[in-house]
Amino acid sequence: MRKVKLDKIASSTRQIALARDVTVSDQVVARAGQVVAVRVKGRKSVYNQLEDPTGRLLELDEGDIVAGVLGSRRALRGYAGVVPDKIEKGDVLHLLNMGGVIGRCTSINPEVGPPREVEVLGSVLVFPHLGERIGVPADITQGAVPLRDDLPRCPPVIAVAGTCMNAGKTSAAARVIKHLAKTLGKRVAAAKLTGVSLRRDTLAMLDRGACDALDFADAGASSTTAGMTPRIAKGILHKLAQGEPDVILVELGDGILGEYGVQDLLRDPDIRRVTKVWIMCASDPVGAWGARELMTKVFDLPIHVMSGPATDNEVGREYVRGQLGVPALNAITQEVEFAAEVTRRLQQP
């Protein structure tokens, strides 16, 4: 064990509330959720920011010592990566996202260039027993929201899904929250249930008026995959319901055909039971068509309103309304009408 002074702390570690001075062990547990200290290697001008626990974006410098979390990523418009089977001090891994999720990059997107390389210094230790000098590897499951297999009580849910990342889900979610909370005076809780750890989206929800906001990292997951999301979602919804909100808005990160476990939520009986409104964000008319086909024919679910870039102008909106039979309203340029339609659907018996 040895002492290390951290230059930067990633938002993915926020469950642990790390100080700048930490104790590090050379032994690294190669498992998602483990908190590790790494040293930044080389220089990079693109995709070179790290989100800290407050949500600030910090520029990374060569030689910075950073605390991050081991995890995987499967982003179409970003990096893909995995947690290696074995990790030793001195190994070179990669920053897979701005939230400080660390793994071995397996694929890149040309738009963001090669990933930031980091040298593993070791596992960050915590000392859970007061007065004892026995440290244990920090893990973001420590103190996390408990997972659940059931959802006995929950206020009505509005779900925002999309055809892909960057399809306008967060913008749509923020405007619904703003309308319900600030115009109608409702208590709105919010959550992001799938994706890879980054505080930006839940902070945007709070900024727009949500009384509380959680994501899967609060439930101990640095990123989500198929098979794990229903228990995470039910744990988060149960936790938010204890605050007695009038409604809970959830964003399903990535796309309905992505690899973050969205499809498991669309199929889960409890999630389907409590969700009153389904919002779909699509990037283009083809995506809008595919989303309707999947939702209605594969998942047997409605789309109550379509938004996203596919509705940026009247050409796209006419296609969605006329050819797909789905209300089409752009959350940004038609904010009032969009929020009113979602509210109308929410209030229907």
Protein backbone atom coordinates (compact mmCIF):
# COMPACT_ATOMS: atom_id res chain seq x y z
CA MET A 1 0.00 0.00 0.00
CA ARG A 2 1.12 3.54 -0.65
CA LYS A 3 -0.26 7.07 -0.55
CA VAL A 4 -1.19 8.82 -3.81
CA LYS A 5 -2.41 12.37 -4.36
CA LEU A 6 -5.14 12.61 -6.99
CA ASP A 7 -5.10 15.49 -9.44
CA LYS A 8 -8.60 14.77 -10.70
CA ILE A 9 -11.51 12.62 -9.56
CA ALA A 10 -14.00 11.25 -12.10
CA SER A 11 -17.76 11.57 -11.61
CA SER A 12 -18.12 7.79 -11.96
CA THR A 13 -16.55 7.44 -8.50
CA ARG A 14 -19.03 9.75 -6.77
CA GLN A 15 -20.59 6.99 -4.67
CA ILE A 16 -17.30 6.77 -2.74
CA ALA A 17 -16.78 10.52 -2.05
CA LEU A 18 -13.00 10.30 -2.44
CA ALA A 19 -10.55 12.77 -0.93
CA ARG A 20 -7.52 13.97 -2.90
CA ASP A 21 -5.15 11.85 -0.80
CA VAL A 22 -5.90 8.15 -1.18
CA THR A 23 -4.26 4.85 -0.37
CA VAL A 24 -3.57 2.59 -3.33
CA SER A 25 -2.89 -1.15 -3.50
CA ASP A 26 -0.84 -2.77 -6.28
CA GLN A 27 -3.41 -5.56 -6.46
CA VAL A 28 -6.22 -4.74 -8.89
CA VAL A 29 -9.51 -6.62 -9.02
CA ALA A 30 -10.43 -6.79 -12.73
CA ARG A 31 -14.16 -6.23 -12.29
CA ALA A 32 -16.58 -3.53 -13.41
CA GLY A 33 -17.26 -1.05 -10.63
CA GLN A 34 -13.81 -1.17 -9.05
CA VAL A 35 -12.23 2.24 -8.40
CA VAL A 36 -8.67 2.56 -9.70
CA ALA A 37 -5.98 5.23 -9.78
CA VAL A 38 -4.33 5.83 -13.14
CA ARG A 39 -1.76 8.20 -14.63
CA VAL A 40 -2.64 9.98 -17.88
CA LYS A 41 -0.23 9.28 -20.72
CA GLY A 42 0.63 11.44 -23.72
CA ARG A 43 -1.24 14.41 -25.12
CA LYS A 44 -4.64 14.64 -26.81
CA SER A 45 -6.63 17.60 -28.11
CA VAL A 46 -9.95 15.90 -28.95
CA TYR A 47 -12.17 14.16 -26.39
CA ASN A 48 -9.77 15.15 -23.63
CA GLN A 49 -12.15 16.16 -20.84
CA LEU A 50 -13.09 14.47 -17.59
CA GLU A 51 -16.30 15.13 -15.69
CA ASP A 52 -15.75 15.50 -11.94
CA PRO A 53 -18.30 14.60 -9.21
CA THR A 54 -19.84 18.09 -9.35
CA GLY A 55 -20.41 17.82 -13.11
CA ARG A 56 -17.58 20.17 -14.09
CA LEU A 57 -15.61 19.25 -17.22
CA LEU A 58 -11.85 19.32 -16.63
CA GLU A 59 -9.08 19.27 -19.22
CA LEU A 60 -6.71 16.34 -18.79
CA ASP A 61 -2.95 16.93 -18.79
CA GLU A 62 -0.17 14.45 -19.35
CA GLY A 63 0.91 13.03 -16.00
CA ASP A 64 -2.39 13.73 -14.19
CA ILE A 65 -3.25 11.11 -11.58
CA VAL A 66 -6.94 10.32 -11.88
CA ALA A 67 -9.42 8.16 -9.97
CA GLY A 68 -11.87 6.37 -12.28
CA VAL A 69 -13.98 3.22 -12.39
CA LEU A 70 -13.46 0.03 -14.35
CA GLY A 71 -16.24 -0.61 -16.83
CA SER A 72 -17.27 -1.35 -20.38
CA ARG A 73 -18.76 0.75 -23.16
CA ARG A 74 -20.55 -0.10 -26.41
CA ALA A 75 -21.17 3.30 -28.03
CA LEU A 76 -21.87 3.59 -31.76
CA ARG A 77 -20.63 7.19 -31.83
CA GLY A 78 -17.89 6.87 -29.28
CA TYR A 79 -15.54 4.20 -27.93
CA ALA A 80 -16.24 0.54 -27.34
CA GLY A 81 -14.25 -1.22 -24.65
CA VAL A 82 -14.20 -3.96 -22.05
CA VAL A 83 -12.74 -4.72 -18.64
CA PRO A 84 -9.74 -7.04 -19.25
CA ASP A 85 -9.75 -10.44 -17.54
CA LYS A 86 -6.58 -9.48 -15.67
CA ILE A 87 -5.17 -6.09 -14.71
CA GLU A 88 -1.79 -5.40 -13.13
CA LYS A 89 0.00 -2.29 -11.96
CA GLY A 90 1.67 -0.65 -14.96
CA ASP A 91 -0.84 -1.91 -17.54
CA VAL A 92 -2.00 0.63 -20.10
CA LEU A 93 -5.78 1.00 -20.42
CA HIS A 94 -8.05 3.71 -21.84
CA LEU A 95 -10.55 6.32 -20.73
CA LEU A 96 -13.73 5.14 -22.44
CA ASN A 97 -15.89 8.19 -21.65
CA MET A 98 -15.81 11.59 -19.99
CA GLY A 99 -17.25 10.14 -16.79
CA GLY A 100 -13.99 8.32 -16.13
CA VAL A 101 -15.00 4.77 -17.04
CA ILE A 102 -11.78 2.86 -17.70
CA GLY A 103 -11.20 -0.29 -19.74
CA ARG A 104 -9.40 -1.65 -22.76
CA CYS A 105 -10.63 0.05 -25.92
CA THR A 106 -11.68 -2.43 -28.61
CA SER A 107 -13.07 -0.04 -31.24
CA ILE A 108 -13.03 3.69 -31.96
CA ASN A 109 -15.11 6.23 -33.85
CA PRO A 110 -13.01 8.38 -36.22
CA GLU A 111 -14.78 11.54 -35.02
CA VAL A 112 -13.18 11.31 -31.57
CA GLY A 113 -9.84 9.78 -32.55
CA PRO A 114 -7.81 7.32 -30.44
CA PRO A 115 -8.80 7.09 -26.76
CA ARG A 116 -6.81 8.62 -23.89
CA GLU A 117 -4.21 6.14 -22.62
CA VAL A 118 -3.79 5.73 -18.86
CA GLU A 119 -1.28 3.74 -16.84
CA VAL A 120 -2.74 1.71 -13.98
CA LEU A 121 -1.30 2.64 -10.58
CA GLY A 122 -3.50 0.33 -8.52
CA SER A 123 -6.80 -0.07 -6.70
CA VAL A 124 -8.01 2.76 -4.53
CA LEU A 125 -8.64 1.54 -0.98
CA VAL A 126 -11.29 2.59 1.50
CA PHE A 127 -11.27 1.94 5.22
CA PRO A 128 -14.80 1.04 6.29
CA HIS A 129 -14.04 0.26 9.92
CA LEU A 130 -13.27 3.27 12.06
CA GLY A 131 -9.90 3.01 13.80
CA GLU A 132 -8.73 0.02 11.74
CA ARG A 133 -5.95 0.22 9.16
CA ILE A 134 -7.33 -2.59 7.02
CA GLY A 135 -8.25 -1.25 3.59
CA VAL A 136 -10.57 -2.83 1.04
CA PRO A 137 -10.76 -2.02 -2.69
CA ALA A 138 -13.28 0.73 -3.34
CA ASP A 139 -16.28 -0.35 -5.39
CA ILE A 140 -19.18 1.86 -6.49
CA THR A 141 -21.66 -0.77 -5.28
CA GLN A 142 -20.75 0.29 -1.74
CA GLY A 143 -23.71 2.26 -0.42
CA ALA A 144 -25.52 2.04 -3.74
CA VAL A 145 -29.29 2.05 -4.28
CA PRO A 146 -30.42 -1.56 -3.68
CA LEU A 147 -31.51 -3.56 -6.72
CA ARG A 148 -35.03 -4.96 -6.75
CA ASP A 149 -36.88 -7.80 -8.42
CA ASP A 150 -40.31 -6.19 -8.00
CA LEU A 151 -41.93 -2.77 -8.06
CA PRO A 152 -44.89 -2.82 -5.67
CA ARG A 153 -45.68 0.92 -5.68
CA CYS A 154 -44.72 3.61 -8.14
CA PRO A 155 -46.22 6.86 -9.45
CA PRO A 156 -46.89 7.11 -13.21
CA VAL A 157 -43.78 7.04 -15.38
CA ILE A 158 -42.96 8.93 -18.57
CA ALA A 159 -40.29 7.10 -20.58
CA VAL A 160 -38.07 8.79 -23.18
CA ALA A 161 -36.43 6.34 -25.60
CA GLY A 162 -34.54 6.84 -28.83
CA THR A 163 -33.29 5.22 -31.99
CA CYS A 164 -29.64 5.92 -31.13
CA MET A 165 -27.42 8.09 -28.95
CA ASN A 166 -27.63 11.82 -29.75
CA ALA A 167 -31.23 11.48 -30.94
CA GLY A 168 -32.57 14.25 -28.68
CA LYS A 169 -33.67 12.23 -25.64
CA THR A 170 -32.14 14.49 -23.00
CA SER A 171 -33.54 17.64 -24.63
CA ALA A 172 -37.01 16.09 -24.73
CA ALA A 173 -36.76 14.89 -21.12
CA ALA A 174 -35.61 18.30 -19.88
CA ARG A 175 -38.50 20.12 -21.51
CA VAL A 176 -41.12 17.77 -20.14
CA ILE A 177 -39.66 18.16 -16.66
CA LYS A 178 -39.64 21.95 -17.01
CA HIS A 179 -43.30 22.04 -18.07
CA LEU A 180 -44.55 19.68 -15.39
CA ALA A 181 -42.48 21.16 -12.57
CA LYS A 182 -42.43 24.88 -13.32
CA THR A 183 -45.65 25.43 -15.30
CA LEU A 184 -47.93 22.89 -13.62
CA GLY A 185 -46.26 22.79 -10.20
CA LYS A 186 -45.86 19.01 -10.13
CA ARG A 187 -43.21 17.16 -8.14
CA VAL A 188 -41.18 15.42 -10.83
CA ALA A 189 -38.47 12.87 -10.06
CA ALA A 190 -36.17 11.76 -12.86
CA ALA A 191 -33.74 9.02 -13.77
CA LYS A 192 -31.45 7.77 -16.48
CA LEU A 193 -31.75 4.00 -16.48
CA THR A 194 -29.25 2.82 -19.11
CA GLY A 195 -25.97 3.91 -20.67
CA VAL A 196 -22.44 4.61 -19.45
CA SER A 197 -21.72 6.69 -16.35
CA LEU A 198 -21.92 10.47 -16.81
CA ARG A 199 -23.64 12.97 -14.51
CA ARG A 200 -24.44 15.48 -17.24
CA ASP A 201 -27.91 14.16 -18.05
CA THR A 202 -29.22 13.88 -14.49
CA LEU A 203 -27.79 17.31 -13.68
CA ALA A 204 -29.74 18.70 -16.65
CA MET A 205 -32.86 17.10 -15.19
CA LEU A 206 -32.27 18.80 -11.84
CA ASP A 207 -31.56 22.10 -13.56
CA ARG A 208 -34.98 21.94 -15.28
CA GLY A 209 -36.86 21.40 -12.01
CA ALA A 210 -36.68 17.72 -11.03
CA CYS A 211 -36.96 17.29 -7.26
CA ASP A 212 -34.58 14.32 -7.39
CA ALA A 213 -32.59 12.56 -10.08
CA LEU A 214 -30.72 9.25 -10.08
CA ASP A 215 -28.99 7.06 -12.62
CA PHE A 216 -27.66 3.52 -12.86
CA ALA A 217 -24.33 4.58 -11.33
CA ASP A 218 -26.25 5.39 -8.14
CA ALA A 219 -27.24 1.72 -8.22
CA GLY A 220 -23.60 0.63 -8.49
CA ALA A 221 -23.19 0.16 -12.26
CA SER A 222 -20.52 2.03 -14.24
CA SER A 223 -22.43 1.06 -17.39
CA THR A 224 -25.37 -1.17 -18.20
CA THR A 225 -25.72 -4.30 -20.30
CA ALA A 226 -28.47 -6.74 -21.19
CA GLY A 227 -29.66 -8.82 -18.25
CA MET A 228 -28.99 -6.29 -15.49
CA THR A 229 -31.23 -3.32 -16.28
CA PRO A 230 -34.65 -4.42 -14.89
CA ARG A 231 -33.34 -4.86 -11.34
CA ILE A 232 -31.45 -1.56 -11.56
CA ALA A 233 -34.50 0.28 -12.90
CA LYS A 234 -36.82 -1.10 -10.24
CA GLY A 235 -34.37 -0.22 -7.50
CA ILE A 236 -34.10 3.36 -8.76
CA LEU A 237 -37.85 3.79 -9.29
CA HIS A 238 -38.56 2.40 -5.81
CA LYS A 239 -36.03 4.80 -4.30
CA LEU A 240 -37.47 7.80 -6.14
CA ALA A 241 -41.03 6.80 -5.24
CA GLN A 242 -40.16 7.15 -1.55
CA GLY A 243 -39.96 10.91 -2.11
CA GLU A 244 -43.64 10.83 -3.18
CA PRO A 245 -43.32 12.59 -6.56
CA ASP A 246 -46.38 13.09 -8.73
CA VAL A 247 -44.61 11.57 -11.72
CA ILE A 248 -41.24 10.04 -12.59
CA LEU A 249 -39.57 10.74 -15.93
CA VAL A 250 -36.98 8.22 -17.10
CA GLU A 251 -34.52 8.42 -19.97
CA LEU A 252 -33.39 5.20 -21.62
CA GLY A 253 -29.84 5.95 -22.71
CA ASP A 254 -28.58 4.77 -26.11
CA GLY A 255 -31.05 3.25 -28.61
CA ILE A 256 -33.77 0.66 -28.47
CA LEU A 257 -31.52 -1.66 -30.49
CA GLY A 258 -28.32 -0.80 -28.58
CA GLU A 259 -26.36 -2.99 -26.21
CA TYR A 260 -27.05 -1.24 -22.92
CA GLY A 261 -30.10 -3.30 -21.93
CA VAL A 262 -32.93 -1.03 -23.13
CA GLN A 263 -34.79 -3.96 -24.69
CA ASP A 264 -34.99 -5.73 -21.33
CA LEU A 265 -36.82 -2.71 -19.90
CA LEU A 266 -39.23 -2.57 -22.84
CA ARG A 267 -40.13 -6.20 -22.18
CA ASP A 268 -40.30 -6.07 -18.37
CA PRO A 269 -43.89 -6.41 -17.06
CA ASP A 270 -43.38 -4.09 -14.09
CA ILE A 271 -41.83 -1.31 -16.19
CA ARG A 272 -44.58 -1.64 -18.79
CA ARG A 273 -47.25 -1.52 -16.08
CA VAL A 274 -46.11 1.75 -14.51
CA THR A 275 -45.17 3.60 -17.73
CA LYS A 276 -48.03 5.86 -18.82
CA VAL A 277 -46.37 7.75 -21.69
CA TRP A 278 -43.80 6.56 -24.23
CA ILE A 279 -41.81 9.30 -26.02
CA MET A 280 -39.61 8.27 -28.95
CA CYS A 281 -36.77 10.38 -30.36
CA ALA A 282 -35.57 9.58 -33.87
CA SER A 283 -32.70 11.00 -35.90
CA ASP A 284 -34.35 10.71 -39.33
CA PRO A 285 -37.48 9.36 -41.06
CA VAL A 286 -35.99 5.90 -41.52
CA GLY A 287 -35.21 5.74 -37.81
CA ALA A 288 -38.74 6.94 -37.03
CA TRP A 289 -40.19 4.17 -39.21
CA GLY A 290 -37.97 1.55 -37.61
CA ALA A 291 -38.83 2.73 -34.11
CA ARG A 292 -42.54 2.42 -34.80
CA GLU A 293 -42.06 -1.06 -36.30
CA LEU A 294 -40.07 -2.24 -33.29
CA MET A 295 -42.25 -0.67 -30.63
CA THR A 296 -45.57 -1.81 -32.07
CA LYS A 297 -44.67 -5.17 -33.63
CA VAL A 298 -41.82 -6.46 -31.46
CA PHE A 299 -42.49 -4.91 -28.05
CA ASP A 300 -46.25 -4.35 -28.39
CA LEU A 301 -45.91 -0.82 -27.04
CA PRO A 302 -47.30 2.49 -28.31
CA ILE A 303 -45.41 5.63 -29.26
CA HIS A 304 -47.45 8.51 -27.85
CA VAL A 305 -45.31 11.26 -29.39
CA MET A 306 -42.28 11.35 -31.70
CA SER A 307 -39.55 13.98 -31.34
CA GLY A 308 -35.85 14.36 -32.14
CA PRO A 309 -34.12 15.51 -35.37
CA ALA A 310 -36.68 13.60 -37.47
CA THR A 311 -39.16 16.30 -36.43
CA ASP A 312 -36.87 19.31 -36.94
CA ASN A 313 -39.05 20.69 -39.73
CA GLU A 314 -42.50 20.18 -41.21
CA VAL A 315 -41.24 17.72 -43.84
CA GLY A 316 -40.26 15.20 -41.17
CA ARG A 317 -43.29 15.91 -39.02
CA GLU A 318 -45.69 15.39 -41.91
CA TYR A 319 -44.09 12.04 -42.67
CA VAL A 320 -44.34 10.84 -39.07
CA ARG A 321 -47.94 12.02 -38.72
CA GLY A 322 -49.17 11.02 -42.16
CA GLN A 323 -47.27 7.83 -42.91
CA LEU A 324 -46.68 6.46 -39.42
CA GLY A 325 -49.81 7.72 -37.69
CA VAL A 326 -47.83 9.05 -34.70
CA PRO A 327 -48.05 12.59 -33.26
CA ALA A 328 -44.86 14.45 -34.19
CA LEU A 329 -43.70 17.48 -32.21
CA ASN A 330 -40.20 18.85 -31.88
CA ALA A 331 -39.21 19.27 -28.23
CA ILE A 332 -37.01 22.30 -28.97
CA THR A 333 -38.84 24.34 -31.61
CA GLN A 334 -42.34 23.30 -30.47
CA GLU A 335 -41.65 23.09 -26.76
CA VAL A 336 -45.07 24.25 -25.53
CA GLU A 337 -47.05 22.00 -27.87
CA PHE A 338 -44.75 19.04 -27.22
CA ALA A 339 -45.01 19.33 -23.43
CA ALA A 340 -48.77 19.85 -23.62
CA GLU A 341 -49.21 16.66 -25.68
CA VAL A 342 -47.16 14.64 -23.19
CA THR A 343 -49.21 16.11 -20.33
CA ARG A 344 -52.47 15.26 -22.10
CA ARG A 345 -51.36 11.66 -22.51
CA LEU A 346 -50.29 11.53 -18.87
CA GLN A 347 -53.69 12.71 -17.67
CA GLN A 348 -55.69 10.23 -19.72
CA PRO A 349 -57.30 7.41 -17.68
